PDBML (XML) file of the C-alpha atoms, coordinates in Angstrom:
<?xml version="1.0" encoding="UTF-8" ?>
<PDBx:datablock datablockName="MODEL"
   xmlns:PDBx="http://pdbml.pdb.org/schema/pdbx-v50.xsd"
   xmlns:xsi="http://www.w3.org/2001/XMLSchema-instance"
   xsi:schemaLocation="http://pdbml.pdb.org/schema/pdbx-v50.xsd pdbx-v50.xsd">
   <PDBx:atom_siteCategory>
      <PDBx:atom_site id="1">
         <PDBx:B_iso_or_equiv>0.00</PDBx:B_iso_or_equiv>
         <PDBx:Cartn_x>35.856</PDBx:Cartn_x>
         <PDBx:Cartn_y>18.442</PDBx:Cartn_y>
         <PDBx:Cartn_z>-7.688</PDBx:Cartn_z>
         <PDBx:auth_asym_id>A</PDBx:auth_asym_id>
         <PDBx:auth_atom_id>CA</PDBx:auth_atom_id>
         <PDBx:auth_comp_id>ASP</PDBx:auth_comp_id>
         <PDBx:auth_seq_id>1</PDBx:auth_seq_id>
         <PDBx:group_PDB>ATOM</PDBx:group_PDB>
         <PDBx:label_alt_id xsi:nil="true" />
         <PDBx:label_asym_id>A</PDBx:label_asym_id>
         <PDBx:label_atom_id>CA</PDBx:label_atom_id>
         <PDBx:label_comp_id>ASP</PDBx:label_comp_id>
         <PDBx:label_entity_id>1</PDBx:label_entity_id>
         <PDBx:label_seq_id>1</PDBx:label_seq_id>
         <PDBx:occupancy>1.00</PDBx:occupancy>
         <PDBx:pdbx_PDB_model_num>1</PDBx:pdbx_PDB_model_num>
         <PDBx:type_symbol>C</PDBx:type_symbol>
      </PDBx:atom_site>
      <PDBx:atom_site id="2">
         <PDBx:B_iso_or_equiv>0.00</PDBx:B_iso_or_equiv>
         <PDBx:Cartn_x>34.825</PDBx:Cartn_x>
         <PDBx:Cartn_y>15.738</PDBx:Cartn_y>
         <PDBx:Cartn_z>-10.380</PDBx:Cartn_z>
         <PDBx:auth_asym_id>A</PDBx:auth_asym_id>
         <PDBx:auth_atom_id>CA</PDBx:auth_atom_id>
         <PDBx:auth_comp_id>ALA</PDBx:auth_comp_id>
         <PDBx:auth_seq_id>2</PDBx:auth_seq_id>
         <PDBx:group_PDB>ATOM</PDBx:group_PDB>
         <PDBx:label_alt_id xsi:nil="true" />
         <PDBx:label_asym_id>A</PDBx:label_asym_id>
         <PDBx:label_atom_id>CA</PDBx:label_atom_id>
         <PDBx:label_comp_id>ALA</PDBx:label_comp_id>
         <PDBx:label_entity_id>1</PDBx:label_entity_id>
         <PDBx:label_seq_id>2</PDBx:label_seq_id>
         <PDBx:occupancy>1.00</PDBx:occupancy>
         <PDBx:pdbx_PDB_model_num>1</PDBx:pdbx_PDB_model_num>
         <PDBx:type_symbol>C</PDBx:type_symbol>
      </PDBx:atom_site>
      <PDBx:atom_site id="3">
         <PDBx:B_iso_or_equiv>0.00</PDBx:B_iso_or_equiv>
         <PDBx:Cartn_x>31.427</PDBx:Cartn_x>
         <PDBx:Cartn_y>14.932</PDBx:Cartn_y>
         <PDBx:Cartn_z>-8.607</PDBx:Cartn_z>
         <PDBx:auth_asym_id>A</PDBx:auth_asym_id>
         <PDBx:auth_atom_id>CA</PDBx:auth_atom_id>
         <PDBx:auth_comp_id>ARG</PDBx:auth_comp_id>
         <PDBx:auth_seq_id>3</PDBx:auth_seq_id>
         <PDBx:group_PDB>ATOM</PDBx:group_PDB>
         <PDBx:label_alt_id xsi:nil="true" />
         <PDBx:label_asym_id>A</PDBx:label_asym_id>
         <PDBx:label_atom_id>CA</PDBx:label_atom_id>
         <PDBx:label_comp_id>ARG</PDBx:label_comp_id>
         <PDBx:label_entity_id>1</PDBx:label_entity_id>
         <PDBx:label_seq_id>3</PDBx:label_seq_id>
         <PDBx:occupancy>1.00</PDBx:occupancy>
         <PDBx:pdbx_PDB_model_num>1</PDBx:pdbx_PDB_model_num>
         <PDBx:type_symbol>C</PDBx:type_symbol>
      </PDBx:atom_site>
      <PDBx:atom_site id="4">
         <PDBx:B_iso_or_equiv>0.00</PDBx:B_iso_or_equiv>
         <PDBx:Cartn_x>30.171</PDBx:Cartn_x>
         <PDBx:Cartn_y>18.655</PDBx:Cartn_y>
         <PDBx:Cartn_z>-8.897</PDBx:Cartn_z>
         <PDBx:auth_asym_id>A</PDBx:auth_asym_id>
         <PDBx:auth_atom_id>CA</PDBx:auth_atom_id>
         <PDBx:auth_comp_id>GLU</PDBx:auth_comp_id>
         <PDBx:auth_seq_id>4</PDBx:auth_seq_id>
         <PDBx:group_PDB>ATOM</PDBx:group_PDB>
         <PDBx:label_alt_id xsi:nil="true" />
         <PDBx:label_asym_id>A</PDBx:label_asym_id>
         <PDBx:label_atom_id>CA</PDBx:label_atom_id>
         <PDBx:label_comp_id>GLU</PDBx:label_comp_id>
         <PDBx:label_entity_id>1</PDBx:label_entity_id>
         <PDBx:label_seq_id>4</PDBx:label_seq_id>
         <PDBx:occupancy>1.00</PDBx:occupancy>
         <PDBx:pdbx_PDB_model_num>1</PDBx:pdbx_PDB_model_num>
         <PDBx:type_symbol>C</PDBx:type_symbol>
      </PDBx:atom_site>
      <PDBx:atom_site id="5">
         <PDBx:B_iso_or_equiv>0.00</PDBx:B_iso_or_equiv>
         <PDBx:Cartn_x>31.729</PDBx:Cartn_x>
         <PDBx:Cartn_y>19.022</PDBx:Cartn_y>
         <PDBx:Cartn_z>-12.258</PDBx:Cartn_z>
         <PDBx:auth_asym_id>A</PDBx:auth_asym_id>
         <PDBx:auth_atom_id>CA</PDBx:auth_atom_id>
         <PDBx:auth_comp_id>LEU</PDBx:auth_comp_id>
         <PDBx:auth_seq_id>5</PDBx:auth_seq_id>
         <PDBx:group_PDB>ATOM</PDBx:group_PDB>
         <PDBx:label_alt_id xsi:nil="true" />
         <PDBx:label_asym_id>A</PDBx:label_asym_id>
         <PDBx:label_atom_id>CA</PDBx:label_atom_id>
         <PDBx:label_comp_id>LEU</PDBx:label_comp_id>
         <PDBx:label_entity_id>1</PDBx:label_entity_id>
         <PDBx:label_seq_id>5</PDBx:label_seq_id>
         <PDBx:occupancy>1.00</PDBx:occupancy>
         <PDBx:pdbx_PDB_model_num>1</PDBx:pdbx_PDB_model_num>
         <PDBx:type_symbol>C</PDBx:type_symbol>
      </PDBx:atom_site>
      <PDBx:atom_site id="6">
         <PDBx:B_iso_or_equiv>0.00</PDBx:B_iso_or_equiv>
         <PDBx:Cartn_x>29.461</PDBx:Cartn_x>
         <PDBx:Cartn_y>15.997</PDBx:Cartn_y>
         <PDBx:Cartn_z>-13.440</PDBx:Cartn_z>
         <PDBx:auth_asym_id>A</PDBx:auth_asym_id>
         <PDBx:auth_atom_id>CA</PDBx:auth_atom_id>
         <PDBx:auth_comp_id>LYS</PDBx:auth_comp_id>
         <PDBx:auth_seq_id>6</PDBx:auth_seq_id>
         <PDBx:group_PDB>ATOM</PDBx:group_PDB>
         <PDBx:label_alt_id xsi:nil="true" />
         <PDBx:label_asym_id>A</PDBx:label_asym_id>
         <PDBx:label_atom_id>CA</PDBx:label_atom_id>
         <PDBx:label_comp_id>LYS</PDBx:label_comp_id>
         <PDBx:label_entity_id>1</PDBx:label_entity_id>
         <PDBx:label_seq_id>6</PDBx:label_seq_id>
         <PDBx:occupancy>1.00</PDBx:occupancy>
         <PDBx:pdbx_PDB_model_num>1</PDBx:pdbx_PDB_model_num>
         <PDBx:type_symbol>C</PDBx:type_symbol>
      </PDBx:atom_site>
      <PDBx:atom_site id="7">
         <PDBx:B_iso_or_equiv>0.00</PDBx:B_iso_or_equiv>
         <PDBx:Cartn_x>26.430</PDBx:Cartn_x>
         <PDBx:Cartn_y>17.026</PDBx:Cartn_y>
         <PDBx:Cartn_z>-11.888</PDBx:Cartn_z>
         <PDBx:auth_asym_id>A</PDBx:auth_asym_id>
         <PDBx:auth_atom_id>CA</PDBx:auth_atom_id>
         <PDBx:auth_comp_id>ARG</PDBx:auth_comp_id>
         <PDBx:auth_seq_id>7</PDBx:auth_seq_id>
         <PDBx:group_PDB>ATOM</PDBx:group_PDB>
         <PDBx:label_alt_id xsi:nil="true" />
         <PDBx:label_asym_id>A</PDBx:label_asym_id>
         <PDBx:label_atom_id>CA</PDBx:label_atom_id>
         <PDBx:label_comp_id>ARG</PDBx:label_comp_id>
         <PDBx:label_entity_id>1</PDBx:label_entity_id>
         <PDBx:label_seq_id>7</PDBx:label_seq_id>
         <PDBx:occupancy>1.00</PDBx:occupancy>
         <PDBx:pdbx_PDB_model_num>1</PDBx:pdbx_PDB_model_num>
         <PDBx:type_symbol>C</PDBx:type_symbol>
      </PDBx:atom_site>
      <PDBx:atom_site id="8">
         <PDBx:B_iso_or_equiv>0.00</PDBx:B_iso_or_equiv>
         <PDBx:Cartn_x>26.788</PDBx:Cartn_x>
         <PDBx:Cartn_y>20.738</PDBx:Cartn_y>
         <PDBx:Cartn_z>-13.424</PDBx:Cartn_z>
         <PDBx:auth_asym_id>A</PDBx:auth_asym_id>
         <PDBx:auth_atom_id>CA</PDBx:auth_atom_id>
         <PDBx:auth_comp_id>ALA</PDBx:auth_comp_id>
         <PDBx:auth_seq_id>8</PDBx:auth_seq_id>
         <PDBx:group_PDB>ATOM</PDBx:group_PDB>
         <PDBx:label_alt_id xsi:nil="true" />
         <PDBx:label_asym_id>A</PDBx:label_asym_id>
         <PDBx:label_atom_id>CA</PDBx:label_atom_id>
         <PDBx:label_comp_id>ALA</PDBx:label_comp_id>
         <PDBx:label_entity_id>1</PDBx:label_entity_id>
         <PDBx:label_seq_id>8</PDBx:label_seq_id>
         <PDBx:occupancy>1.00</PDBx:occupancy>
         <PDBx:pdbx_PDB_model_num>1</PDBx:pdbx_PDB_model_num>
         <PDBx:type_symbol>C</PDBx:type_symbol>
      </PDBx:atom_site>
      <PDBx:atom_site id="9">
         <PDBx:B_iso_or_equiv>0.00</PDBx:B_iso_or_equiv>
         <PDBx:Cartn_x>27.467</PDBx:Cartn_x>
         <PDBx:Cartn_y>19.158</PDBx:Cartn_y>
         <PDBx:Cartn_z>-16.800</PDBx:Cartn_z>
         <PDBx:auth_asym_id>A</PDBx:auth_asym_id>
         <PDBx:auth_atom_id>CA</PDBx:auth_atom_id>
         <PDBx:auth_comp_id>LEU</PDBx:auth_comp_id>
         <PDBx:auth_seq_id>9</PDBx:auth_seq_id>
         <PDBx:group_PDB>ATOM</PDBx:group_PDB>
         <PDBx:label_alt_id xsi:nil="true" />
         <PDBx:label_asym_id>A</PDBx:label_asym_id>
         <PDBx:label_atom_id>CA</PDBx:label_atom_id>
         <PDBx:label_comp_id>LEU</PDBx:label_comp_id>
         <PDBx:label_entity_id>1</PDBx:label_entity_id>
         <PDBx:label_seq_id>9</PDBx:label_seq_id>
         <PDBx:occupancy>1.00</PDBx:occupancy>
         <PDBx:pdbx_PDB_model_num>1</PDBx:pdbx_PDB_model_num>
         <PDBx:type_symbol>C</PDBx:type_symbol>
      </PDBx:atom_site>
      <PDBx:atom_site id="10">
         <PDBx:B_iso_or_equiv>0.00</PDBx:B_iso_or_equiv>
         <PDBx:Cartn_x>24.300</PDBx:Cartn_x>
         <PDBx:Cartn_y>16.961</PDBx:Cartn_y>
         <PDBx:Cartn_z>-16.468</PDBx:Cartn_z>
         <PDBx:auth_asym_id>A</PDBx:auth_asym_id>
         <PDBx:auth_atom_id>CA</PDBx:auth_atom_id>
         <PDBx:auth_comp_id>ALA</PDBx:auth_comp_id>
         <PDBx:auth_seq_id>10</PDBx:auth_seq_id>
         <PDBx:group_PDB>ATOM</PDBx:group_PDB>
         <PDBx:label_alt_id xsi:nil="true" />
         <PDBx:label_asym_id>A</PDBx:label_asym_id>
         <PDBx:label_atom_id>CA</PDBx:label_atom_id>
         <PDBx:label_comp_id>ALA</PDBx:label_comp_id>
         <PDBx:label_entity_id>1</PDBx:label_entity_id>
         <PDBx:label_seq_id>10</PDBx:label_seq_id>
         <PDBx:occupancy>1.00</PDBx:occupancy>
         <PDBx:pdbx_PDB_model_num>1</PDBx:pdbx_PDB_model_num>
         <PDBx:type_symbol>C</PDBx:type_symbol>
      </PDBx:atom_site>
      <PDBx:atom_site id="11">
         <PDBx:B_iso_or_equiv>0.00</PDBx:B_iso_or_equiv>
         <PDBx:Cartn_x>22.239</PDBx:Cartn_x>
         <PDBx:Cartn_y>19.873</PDBx:Cartn_y>
         <PDBx:Cartn_z>-15.675</PDBx:Cartn_z>
         <PDBx:auth_asym_id>A</PDBx:auth_asym_id>
         <PDBx:auth_atom_id>CA</PDBx:auth_atom_id>
         <PDBx:auth_comp_id>VAL</PDBx:auth_comp_id>
         <PDBx:auth_seq_id>11</PDBx:auth_seq_id>
         <PDBx:group_PDB>ATOM</PDBx:group_PDB>
         <PDBx:label_alt_id xsi:nil="true" />
         <PDBx:label_asym_id>A</PDBx:label_asym_id>
         <PDBx:label_atom_id>CA</PDBx:label_atom_id>
         <PDBx:label_comp_id>VAL</PDBx:label_comp_id>
         <PDBx:label_entity_id>1</PDBx:label_entity_id>
         <PDBx:label_seq_id>11</PDBx:label_seq_id>
         <PDBx:occupancy>1.00</PDBx:occupancy>
         <PDBx:pdbx_PDB_model_num>1</PDBx:pdbx_PDB_model_num>
         <PDBx:type_symbol>C</PDBx:type_symbol>
      </PDBx:atom_site>
      <PDBx:atom_site id="12">
         <PDBx:B_iso_or_equiv>0.00</PDBx:B_iso_or_equiv>
         <PDBx:Cartn_x>23.553</PDBx:Cartn_x>
         <PDBx:Cartn_y>21.760</PDBx:Cartn_y>
         <PDBx:Cartn_z>-18.470</PDBx:Cartn_z>
         <PDBx:auth_asym_id>A</PDBx:auth_asym_id>
         <PDBx:auth_atom_id>CA</PDBx:auth_atom_id>
         <PDBx:auth_comp_id>LYS</PDBx:auth_comp_id>
         <PDBx:auth_seq_id>12</PDBx:auth_seq_id>
         <PDBx:group_PDB>ATOM</PDBx:group_PDB>
         <PDBx:label_alt_id xsi:nil="true" />
         <PDBx:label_asym_id>A</PDBx:label_asym_id>
         <PDBx:label_atom_id>CA</PDBx:label_atom_id>
         <PDBx:label_comp_id>LYS</PDBx:label_comp_id>
         <PDBx:label_entity_id>1</PDBx:label_entity_id>
         <PDBx:label_seq_id>12</PDBx:label_seq_id>
         <PDBx:occupancy>1.00</PDBx:occupancy>
         <PDBx:pdbx_PDB_model_num>1</PDBx:pdbx_PDB_model_num>
         <PDBx:type_symbol>C</PDBx:type_symbol>
      </PDBx:atom_site>
      <PDBx:atom_site id="13">
         <PDBx:B_iso_or_equiv>0.00</PDBx:B_iso_or_equiv>
         <PDBx:Cartn_x>23.128</PDBx:Cartn_x>
         <PDBx:Cartn_y>18.910</PDBx:Cartn_y>
         <PDBx:Cartn_z>-20.837</PDBx:Cartn_z>
         <PDBx:auth_asym_id>A</PDBx:auth_asym_id>
         <PDBx:auth_atom_id>CA</PDBx:auth_atom_id>
         <PDBx:auth_comp_id>MET</PDBx:auth_comp_id>
         <PDBx:auth_seq_id>13</PDBx:auth_seq_id>
         <PDBx:group_PDB>ATOM</PDBx:group_PDB>
         <PDBx:label_alt_id xsi:nil="true" />
         <PDBx:label_asym_id>A</PDBx:label_asym_id>
         <PDBx:label_atom_id>CA</PDBx:label_atom_id>
         <PDBx:label_comp_id>MET</PDBx:label_comp_id>
         <PDBx:label_entity_id>1</PDBx:label_entity_id>
         <PDBx:label_seq_id>13</PDBx:label_seq_id>
         <PDBx:occupancy>1.00</PDBx:occupancy>
         <PDBx:pdbx_PDB_model_num>1</PDBx:pdbx_PDB_model_num>
         <PDBx:type_symbol>C</PDBx:type_symbol>
      </PDBx:atom_site>
      <PDBx:atom_site id="14">
         <PDBx:B_iso_or_equiv>0.00</PDBx:B_iso_or_equiv>
         <PDBx:Cartn_x>19.348</PDBx:Cartn_x>
         <PDBx:Cartn_y>18.551</PDBx:Cartn_y>
         <PDBx:Cartn_z>-19.663</PDBx:Cartn_z>
         <PDBx:auth_asym_id>A</PDBx:auth_asym_id>
         <PDBx:auth_atom_id>CA</PDBx:auth_atom_id>
         <PDBx:auth_comp_id>ALA</PDBx:auth_comp_id>
         <PDBx:auth_seq_id>14</PDBx:auth_seq_id>
         <PDBx:group_PDB>ATOM</PDBx:group_PDB>
         <PDBx:label_alt_id xsi:nil="true" />
         <PDBx:label_asym_id>A</PDBx:label_asym_id>
         <PDBx:label_atom_id>CA</PDBx:label_atom_id>
         <PDBx:label_comp_id>ALA</PDBx:label_comp_id>
         <PDBx:label_entity_id>1</PDBx:label_entity_id>
         <PDBx:label_seq_id>14</PDBx:label_seq_id>
         <PDBx:occupancy>1.00</PDBx:occupancy>
         <PDBx:pdbx_PDB_model_num>1</PDBx:pdbx_PDB_model_num>
         <PDBx:type_symbol>C</PDBx:type_symbol>
      </PDBx:atom_site>
      <PDBx:atom_site id="15">
         <PDBx:B_iso_or_equiv>0.00</PDBx:B_iso_or_equiv>
         <PDBx:Cartn_x>18.617</PDBx:Cartn_x>
         <PDBx:Cartn_y>22.300</PDBx:Cartn_y>
         <PDBx:Cartn_z>-20.084</PDBx:Cartn_z>
         <PDBx:auth_asym_id>A</PDBx:auth_asym_id>
         <PDBx:auth_atom_id>CA</PDBx:auth_atom_id>
         <PDBx:auth_comp_id>LEU</PDBx:auth_comp_id>
         <PDBx:auth_seq_id>15</PDBx:auth_seq_id>
         <PDBx:group_PDB>ATOM</PDBx:group_PDB>
         <PDBx:label_alt_id xsi:nil="true" />
         <PDBx:label_asym_id>A</PDBx:label_asym_id>
         <PDBx:label_atom_id>CA</PDBx:label_atom_id>
         <PDBx:label_comp_id>LEU</PDBx:label_comp_id>
         <PDBx:label_entity_id>1</PDBx:label_entity_id>
         <PDBx:label_seq_id>15</PDBx:label_seq_id>
         <PDBx:occupancy>1.00</PDBx:occupancy>
         <PDBx:pdbx_PDB_model_num>1</PDBx:pdbx_PDB_model_num>
         <PDBx:type_symbol>C</PDBx:type_symbol>
      </PDBx:atom_site>
      <PDBx:atom_site id="16">
         <PDBx:B_iso_or_equiv>0.00</PDBx:B_iso_or_equiv>
         <PDBx:Cartn_x>19.903</PDBx:Cartn_x>
         <PDBx:Cartn_y>21.871</PDBx:Cartn_y>
         <PDBx:Cartn_z>-23.571</PDBx:Cartn_z>
         <PDBx:auth_asym_id>A</PDBx:auth_asym_id>
         <PDBx:auth_atom_id>CA</PDBx:auth_atom_id>
         <PDBx:auth_comp_id>SER</PDBx:auth_comp_id>
         <PDBx:auth_seq_id>16</PDBx:auth_seq_id>
         <PDBx:group_PDB>ATOM</PDBx:group_PDB>
         <PDBx:label_alt_id xsi:nil="true" />
         <PDBx:label_asym_id>A</PDBx:label_asym_id>
         <PDBx:label_atom_id>CA</PDBx:label_atom_id>
         <PDBx:label_comp_id>SER</PDBx:label_comp_id>
         <PDBx:label_entity_id>1</PDBx:label_entity_id>
         <PDBx:label_seq_id>16</PDBx:label_seq_id>
         <PDBx:occupancy>1.00</PDBx:occupancy>
         <PDBx:pdbx_PDB_model_num>1</PDBx:pdbx_PDB_model_num>
         <PDBx:type_symbol>C</PDBx:type_symbol>
      </PDBx:atom_site>
      <PDBx:atom_site id="17">
         <PDBx:B_iso_or_equiv>0.00</PDBx:B_iso_or_equiv>
         <PDBx:Cartn_x>17.651</PDBx:Cartn_x>
         <PDBx:Cartn_y>19.147</PDBx:Cartn_y>
         <PDBx:Cartn_z>-24.270</PDBx:Cartn_z>
         <PDBx:auth_asym_id>A</PDBx:auth_asym_id>
         <PDBx:auth_atom_id>CA</PDBx:auth_atom_id>
         <PDBx:auth_comp_id>GLY</PDBx:auth_comp_id>
         <PDBx:auth_seq_id>17</PDBx:auth_seq_id>
         <PDBx:group_PDB>ATOM</PDBx:group_PDB>
         <PDBx:label_alt_id xsi:nil="true" />
         <PDBx:label_asym_id>A</PDBx:label_asym_id>
         <PDBx:label_atom_id>CA</PDBx:label_atom_id>
         <PDBx:label_comp_id>GLY</PDBx:label_comp_id>
         <PDBx:label_entity_id>1</PDBx:label_entity_id>
         <PDBx:label_seq_id>17</PDBx:label_seq_id>
         <PDBx:occupancy>1.00</PDBx:occupancy>
         <PDBx:pdbx_PDB_model_num>1</PDBx:pdbx_PDB_model_num>
         <PDBx:type_symbol>C</PDBx:type_symbol>
      </PDBx:atom_site>
      <PDBx:atom_site id="18">
         <PDBx:B_iso_or_equiv>0.00</PDBx:B_iso_or_equiv>
         <PDBx:Cartn_x>19.514</PDBx:Cartn_x>
         <PDBx:Cartn_y>15.913</PDBx:Cartn_y>
         <PDBx:Cartn_z>-23.757</PDBx:Cartn_z>
         <PDBx:auth_asym_id>A</PDBx:auth_asym_id>
         <PDBx:auth_atom_id>CA</PDBx:auth_atom_id>
         <PDBx:auth_comp_id>ASN</PDBx:auth_comp_id>
         <PDBx:auth_seq_id>18</PDBx:auth_seq_id>
         <PDBx:group_PDB>ATOM</PDBx:group_PDB>
         <PDBx:label_alt_id xsi:nil="true" />
         <PDBx:label_asym_id>A</PDBx:label_asym_id>
         <PDBx:label_atom_id>CA</PDBx:label_atom_id>
         <PDBx:label_comp_id>ASN</PDBx:label_comp_id>
         <PDBx:label_entity_id>1</PDBx:label_entity_id>
         <PDBx:label_seq_id>18</PDBx:label_seq_id>
         <PDBx:occupancy>1.00</PDBx:occupancy>
         <PDBx:pdbx_PDB_model_num>1</PDBx:pdbx_PDB_model_num>
         <PDBx:type_symbol>C</PDBx:type_symbol>
      </PDBx:atom_site>
      <PDBx:atom_site id="19">
         <PDBx:B_iso_or_equiv>0.00</PDBx:B_iso_or_equiv>
         <PDBx:Cartn_x>17.800</PDBx:Cartn_x>
         <PDBx:Cartn_y>13.014</PDBx:Cartn_y>
         <PDBx:Cartn_z>-22.611</PDBx:Cartn_z>
         <PDBx:auth_asym_id>A</PDBx:auth_asym_id>
         <PDBx:auth_atom_id>CA</PDBx:auth_atom_id>
         <PDBx:auth_comp_id>ILE</PDBx:auth_comp_id>
         <PDBx:auth_seq_id>19</PDBx:auth_seq_id>
         <PDBx:group_PDB>ATOM</PDBx:group_PDB>
         <PDBx:label_alt_id xsi:nil="true" />
         <PDBx:label_asym_id>A</PDBx:label_asym_id>
         <PDBx:label_atom_id>CA</PDBx:label_atom_id>
         <PDBx:label_comp_id>ILE</PDBx:label_comp_id>
         <PDBx:label_entity_id>1</PDBx:label_entity_id>
         <PDBx:label_seq_id>19</PDBx:label_seq_id>
         <PDBx:occupancy>1.00</PDBx:occupancy>
         <PDBx:pdbx_PDB_model_num>1</PDBx:pdbx_PDB_model_num>
         <PDBx:type_symbol>C</PDBx:type_symbol>
      </PDBx:atom_site>
      <PDBx:atom_site id="20">
         <PDBx:B_iso_or_equiv>0.00</PDBx:B_iso_or_equiv>
         <PDBx:Cartn_x>18.876</PDBx:Cartn_x>
         <PDBx:Cartn_y>11.050</PDBx:Cartn_y>
         <PDBx:Cartn_z>-19.439</PDBx:Cartn_z>
         <PDBx:auth_asym_id>A</PDBx:auth_asym_id>
         <PDBx:auth_atom_id>CA</PDBx:auth_atom_id>
         <PDBx:auth_comp_id>ASN</PDBx:auth_comp_id>
         <PDBx:auth_seq_id>20</PDBx:auth_seq_id>
         <PDBx:group_PDB>ATOM</PDBx:group_PDB>
         <PDBx:label_alt_id xsi:nil="true" />
         <PDBx:label_asym_id>A</PDBx:label_asym_id>
         <PDBx:label_atom_id>CA</PDBx:label_atom_id>
         <PDBx:label_comp_id>ASN</PDBx:label_comp_id>
         <PDBx:label_entity_id>1</PDBx:label_entity_id>
         <PDBx:label_seq_id>20</PDBx:label_seq_id>
         <PDBx:occupancy>1.00</PDBx:occupancy>
         <PDBx:pdbx_PDB_model_num>1</PDBx:pdbx_PDB_model_num>
         <PDBx:type_symbol>C</PDBx:type_symbol>
      </PDBx:atom_site>
      <PDBx:atom_site id="21">
         <PDBx:B_iso_or_equiv>0.00</PDBx:B_iso_or_equiv>
         <PDBx:Cartn_x>20.095</PDBx:Cartn_x>
         <PDBx:Cartn_y>8.101</PDBx:Cartn_y>
         <PDBx:Cartn_z>-21.067</PDBx:Cartn_z>
         <PDBx:auth_asym_id>A</PDBx:auth_asym_id>
         <PDBx:auth_atom_id>CA</PDBx:auth_atom_id>
         <PDBx:auth_comp_id>HIS</PDBx:auth_comp_id>
         <PDBx:auth_seq_id>21</PDBx:auth_seq_id>
         <PDBx:group_PDB>ATOM</PDBx:group_PDB>
         <PDBx:label_alt_id xsi:nil="true" />
         <PDBx:label_asym_id>A</PDBx:label_asym_id>
         <PDBx:label_atom_id>CA</PDBx:label_atom_id>
         <PDBx:label_comp_id>HIS</PDBx:label_comp_id>
         <PDBx:label_entity_id>1</PDBx:label_entity_id>
         <PDBx:label_seq_id>21</PDBx:label_seq_id>
         <PDBx:occupancy>1.00</PDBx:occupancy>
         <PDBx:pdbx_PDB_model_num>1</PDBx:pdbx_PDB_model_num>
         <PDBx:type_symbol>C</PDBx:type_symbol>
      </PDBx:atom_site>
      <PDBx:atom_site id="22">
         <PDBx:B_iso_or_equiv>0.00</PDBx:B_iso_or_equiv>
         <PDBx:Cartn_x>22.275</PDBx:Cartn_x>
         <PDBx:Cartn_y>10.336</PDBx:Cartn_y>
         <PDBx:Cartn_z>-23.433</PDBx:Cartn_z>
         <PDBx:auth_asym_id>A</PDBx:auth_asym_id>
         <PDBx:auth_atom_id>CA</PDBx:auth_atom_id>
         <PDBx:auth_comp_id>GLU</PDBx:auth_comp_id>
         <PDBx:auth_seq_id>22</PDBx:auth_seq_id>
         <PDBx:group_PDB>ATOM</PDBx:group_PDB>
         <PDBx:label_alt_id xsi:nil="true" />
         <PDBx:label_asym_id>A</PDBx:label_asym_id>
         <PDBx:label_atom_id>CA</PDBx:label_atom_id>
         <PDBx:label_comp_id>GLU</PDBx:label_comp_id>
         <PDBx:label_entity_id>1</PDBx:label_entity_id>
         <PDBx:label_seq_id>22</PDBx:label_seq_id>
         <PDBx:occupancy>1.00</PDBx:occupancy>
         <PDBx:pdbx_PDB_model_num>1</PDBx:pdbx_PDB_model_num>
         <PDBx:type_symbol>C</PDBx:type_symbol>
      </PDBx:atom_site>
      <PDBx:atom_site id="23">
         <PDBx:B_iso_or_equiv>0.00</PDBx:B_iso_or_equiv>
         <PDBx:Cartn_x>23.712</PDBx:Cartn_x>
         <PDBx:Cartn_y>12.366</PDBx:Cartn_y>
         <PDBx:Cartn_z>-20.422</PDBx:Cartn_z>
         <PDBx:auth_asym_id>A</PDBx:auth_asym_id>
         <PDBx:auth_atom_id>CA</PDBx:auth_atom_id>
         <PDBx:auth_comp_id>ILE</PDBx:auth_comp_id>
         <PDBx:auth_seq_id>23</PDBx:auth_seq_id>
         <PDBx:group_PDB>ATOM</PDBx:group_PDB>
         <PDBx:label_alt_id xsi:nil="true" />
         <PDBx:label_asym_id>A</PDBx:label_asym_id>
         <PDBx:label_atom_id>CA</PDBx:label_atom_id>
         <PDBx:label_comp_id>ILE</PDBx:label_comp_id>
         <PDBx:label_entity_id>1</PDBx:label_entity_id>
         <PDBx:label_seq_id>23</PDBx:label_seq_id>
         <PDBx:occupancy>1.00</PDBx:occupancy>
         <PDBx:pdbx_PDB_model_num>1</PDBx:pdbx_PDB_model_num>
         <PDBx:type_symbol>C</PDBx:type_symbol>
      </PDBx:atom_site>
      <PDBx:atom_site id="24">
         <PDBx:B_iso_or_equiv>0.00</PDBx:B_iso_or_equiv>
         <PDBx:Cartn_x>24.515</PDBx:Cartn_x>
         <PDBx:Cartn_y>9.098</PDBx:Cartn_y>
         <PDBx:Cartn_z>-18.551</PDBx:Cartn_z>
         <PDBx:auth_asym_id>A</PDBx:auth_asym_id>
         <PDBx:auth_atom_id>CA</PDBx:auth_atom_id>
         <PDBx:auth_comp_id>SER</PDBx:auth_comp_id>
         <PDBx:auth_seq_id>24</PDBx:auth_seq_id>
         <PDBx:group_PDB>ATOM</PDBx:group_PDB>
         <PDBx:label_alt_id xsi:nil="true" />
         <PDBx:label_asym_id>A</PDBx:label_asym_id>
         <PDBx:label_atom_id>CA</PDBx:label_atom_id>
         <PDBx:label_comp_id>SER</PDBx:label_comp_id>
         <PDBx:label_entity_id>1</PDBx:label_entity_id>
         <PDBx:label_seq_id>24</PDBx:label_seq_id>
         <PDBx:occupancy>1.00</PDBx:occupancy>
         <PDBx:pdbx_PDB_model_num>1</PDBx:pdbx_PDB_model_num>
         <PDBx:type_symbol>C</PDBx:type_symbol>
      </PDBx:atom_site>
   </PDBx:atom_siteCategory>
</PDBx:datablock>
């Protein structure tokens, strides 16, 4: 579902070095 997808994408982006503000 969309919530789980956004959560997984946020973790992937954080692991890749994106900052929280960019991810949001």
